[in-house]
Amino acid sequence: MPKTKEQKKQILGALTDKIGKSKSIVFTKFNKLGVEENEDLRKELRRENGEYYVAKKTLINLAFKESKIGDLDIKNFPGQVAVVFGFGDEVAPAKIIDKFKSEHEDKVDFLGGILENKFIDAGQVSELAKLPSREELFAKIVGSINAPISGFVNALAGNLRNLVYVLKAIENKKT
């Protein structure tokens, strides 16, 4: 059933709002994606503060024009287009789609994306998906900061241990 002008305005408003709030956007094509698989993908994205949104290409184009993001023309993308918004971690949507893509061959694929208000092509989105997540980077930083402290503690413990060995050897010599 065709949408009324009021419904289209609501969709356009929702899309424009999501574009404004998102840190990254990934465009995907979804061929032969079943309802259950679609819902699984949506759930996974929600867990990572993302959203999977499907709308007509014309409405998506209008929303991006209203948001003043580049010379983007969604109509050039082949097939059906879904927009994946990332509201938290910039890399999370690309990682989730990449993982889903590897589990469900020929059903989802990258078409491009937007990062820092600039269009990136499908290859760059794929490379973005290979980057470590924000939590992984934080863990590496904490590990790097903690390494010298751990080494210092081990060095001090080693000196105390050696002192105990020396004292034990002196005690054994006297008896």
Protein backbone atom coordinates (compact mmCIF):
# COMPACT_ATOMS: atom_id res chain seq x y z
CA MET A 1 0.00 0.00 0.00
CA PRO A 2 1.49 3.39 -0.96
CA LYS A 3 2.46 5.77 1.81
CA THR A 4 0.65 9.07 2.27
CA LYS A 5 2.49 12.39 2.15
CA GLU A 6 2.20 12.65 5.94
CA GLN A 7 3.79 9.22 6.43
CA LYS A 8 6.59 10.14 4.03
CA LYS A 9 7.21 13.37 5.98
CA GLN A 10 7.43 11.35 9.20
CA ILE A 11 9.89 8.90 7.62
CA LEU A 12 11.93 11.80 6.23
CA GLY A 13 11.98 13.48 9.66
CA ALA A 14 13.03 10.24 11.37
CA LEU A 15 15.81 9.66 8.82
CA THR A 16 17.10 13.23 9.11
CA ASP A 17 17.10 12.93 12.91
CA LYS A 18 19.02 9.63 12.80
CA ILE A 19 21.55 11.06 10.33
CA GLY A 20 22.17 13.98 12.69
CA LYS A 21 22.69 11.72 15.73
CA SER A 22 24.82 9.03 14.08
CA LYS A 23 28.61 8.87 14.28
CA SER A 24 28.88 6.57 11.26
CA ILE A 25 26.54 5.29 8.56
CA VAL A 26 26.88 2.16 6.44
CA PHE A 27 24.86 1.47 3.28
CA THR A 28 24.15 -2.17 2.57
CA LYS A 29 22.28 -4.12 -0.05
CA PHE A 30 20.20 -6.95 1.29
CA ASN A 31 19.33 -9.56 -1.30
CA LYS A 32 17.37 -12.64 -0.28
CA LEU A 33 17.44 -11.64 3.41
CA GLY A 34 14.64 -13.43 5.27
CA VAL A 35 12.54 -11.90 8.04
CA GLU A 36 14.24 -13.93 10.78
CA GLU A 37 17.73 -13.04 9.53
CA ASN A 38 16.67 -9.41 9.25
CA GLU A 39 15.49 -9.40 12.87
CA ASP A 40 18.71 -11.10 14.05
CA LEU A 41 20.74 -8.37 12.35
CA ARG A 42 18.57 -5.65 13.92
CA LYS A 43 18.99 -7.17 17.40
CA GLU A 44 22.75 -7.40 17.02
CA LEU A 45 22.93 -3.77 15.92
CA ARG A 46 20.72 -2.61 18.80
CA ARG A 47 23.12 -4.28 21.26
CA GLU A 48 25.91 -2.08 19.88
CA ASN A 49 23.81 1.12 19.86
CA GLY A 50 23.07 0.93 16.14
CA GLU A 51 20.00 0.77 13.96
CA TYR A 52 19.09 -0.91 10.68
CA TYR A 53 16.68 1.18 8.64
CA VAL A 54 15.07 0.41 5.28
CA ALA A 55 13.34 3.12 3.26
CA LYS A 56 12.88 4.09 -0.36
CA LYS A 57 15.97 5.45 -2.06
CA THR A 58 14.17 8.72 -2.84
CA LEU A 59 13.43 9.35 0.84
CA ILE A 60 16.98 8.44 1.86
CA ASN A 61 18.32 10.88 -0.76
CA LEU A 62 16.05 13.66 0.49
CA ALA A 63 17.14 13.04 4.09
CA PHE A 64 20.81 13.31 3.17
CA LYS A 65 20.19 16.48 1.16
CA GLU A 66 18.41 18.01 4.18
CA SER A 67 21.34 16.98 6.38
CA LYS A 68 23.78 18.60 3.92
CA ILE A 69 26.06 15.59 3.71
CA GLY A 70 28.02 15.58 0.47
CA ASP A 71 26.84 14.88 -3.04
CA LEU A 72 25.37 11.52 -2.21
CA ASP A 73 23.03 9.81 -4.65
CA ILE A 74 21.60 6.59 -3.27
CA LYS A 75 19.80 5.90 -6.55
CA ASN A 76 23.14 4.85 -8.07
CA PHE A 77 23.36 1.91 -5.65
CA PRO A 78 22.08 -1.37 -7.13
CA GLY A 79 19.09 -3.17 -5.64
CA GLN A 80 17.45 -2.54 -2.30
CA VAL A 81 19.36 -0.32 0.11
CA ALA A 82 19.38 -0.39 3.90
CA VAL A 83 20.96 2.31 6.03
CA VAL A 84 22.80 1.20 9.17
CA PHE A 85 23.28 3.98 11.72
CA GLY A 86 25.99 3.79 14.37
CA PHE A 87 25.20 6.01 17.36
CA GLY A 88 28.01 4.79 19.62
CA ASP A 89 31.20 3.25 18.31
CA GLU A 90 31.99 4.39 14.76
CA VAL A 91 33.37 0.99 13.77
CA ALA A 92 30.63 -1.20 15.29
CA PRO A 93 28.09 -1.09 12.41
CA ALA A 94 30.72 -2.05 9.83
CA LYS A 95 32.02 -4.86 12.07
CA ILE A 96 28.53 -6.26 12.67
CA ILE A 97 27.59 -6.17 8.98
CA ASP A 98 30.94 -7.75 8.07
CA LYS A 99 30.40 -10.57 10.57
CA PHE A 100 26.82 -11.08 9.39
CA LYS A 101 28.03 -11.02 5.77
CA SER A 102 30.54 -13.80 6.45
CA GLU A 103 27.85 -15.95 8.11
CA HIS A 104 25.19 -15.34 5.44
CA GLU A 105 26.89 -15.39 2.04
CA ASP A 106 25.37 -13.33 -0.81
CA LYS A 107 22.62 -11.89 1.39
CA VAL A 108 24.22 -8.66 2.66
CA ASP A 109 27.00 -6.58 1.16
CA PHE A 110 28.59 -3.17 1.65
CA LEU A 111 27.67 -0.38 -0.76
CA GLY A 112 29.48 2.45 1.00
CA GLY A 113 29.19 4.57 4.07
CA ILE A 114 29.62 7.92 5.73
CA LEU A 115 32.29 8.63 8.31
CA GLU A 116 32.98 12.14 9.63
CA ASN A 117 30.39 13.51 7.15
CA LYS A 118 32.36 12.16 4.16
CA PHE A 119 31.36 9.38 1.80
CA ILE A 120 33.54 6.26 1.86
CA ASP A 121 33.26 3.46 -0.69
CA ALA A 122 32.54 -0.21 -0.03
CA GLY A 123 36.25 -1.11 0.11
CA GLN A 124 36.92 1.51 2.76
CA VAL A 125 33.93 0.29 4.81
CA SER A 126 35.34 -3.23 4.58
CA GLU A 127 38.71 -1.96 5.84
CA LEU A 128 36.93 -0.07 8.63
CA ALA A 129 35.32 -3.35 9.71
CA LYS A 130 38.79 -4.86 10.25
CA LEU A 131 39.80 -2.17 12.78
CA PRO A 132 39.71 -3.09 16.47
CA SER A 133 36.69 -1.89 18.41
CA ARG A 134 36.83 0.98 20.89
CA GLU A 135 36.88 -1.46 23.85
CA GLU A 136 39.75 -3.44 22.32
CA LEU A 137 41.75 -0.23 21.85
CA PHE A 138 41.07 0.83 25.44
CA ALA A 139 42.21 -2.59 26.69
CA LYS A 140 45.45 -2.28 24.72
CA ILE A 141 46.09 1.20 26.13
CA VAL A 142 45.46 0.04 29.70
CA GLY A 143 47.73 -2.96 29.14
CA SER A 144 50.47 -0.67 27.79
CA ILE A 145 50.15 1.67 30.75
CA ASN A 146 50.10 -1.22 33.22
CA ALA A 147 53.13 -3.08 31.76
CA PRO A 148 55.87 -0.85 33.25
CA ILE A 149 54.18 -0.90 36.66
CA SER A 150 53.95 -4.70 36.60
CA GLY A 151 57.62 -4.92 35.61
CA PHE A 152 58.61 -2.60 38.47
CA VAL A 153 56.63 -4.67 40.99
CA ASN A 154 58.24 -7.88 39.69
CA ALA A 155 61.71 -6.31 39.96
CA LEU A 156 61.07 -5.29 43.57
CA ALA A 157 59.65 -8.71 44.40
CA GLY A 158 62.70 -10.34 42.79
CA ASN A 159 65.07 -8.31 44.99
CA LEU A 160 63.14 -9.27 48.12
CA ARG A 161 63.11 -12.90 47.03
CA ASN A 162 66.90 -12.82 46.49
CA LEU A 163 67.37 -11.24 49.94
CA VAL A 164 65.38 -14.09 51.51
CA TYR A 165 67.55 -16.65 49.64
CA VAL A 166 70.74 -14.97 50.88
CA LEU A 167 69.47 -14.88 54.48
CA LYS A 168 68.41 -18.53 54.25
CA ALA A 169 71.86 -19.48 52.88
CA ILE A 170 73.57 -17.61 55.76
CA GLU A 171 71.33 -19.38 58.26
CA ASN A 172 72.13 -22.77 56.73
CA LYS A 173 75.87 -21.99 56.83
CA LYS A 174 75.79 -21.16 60.55
CA THR A 175 74.03 -24.39 61.48
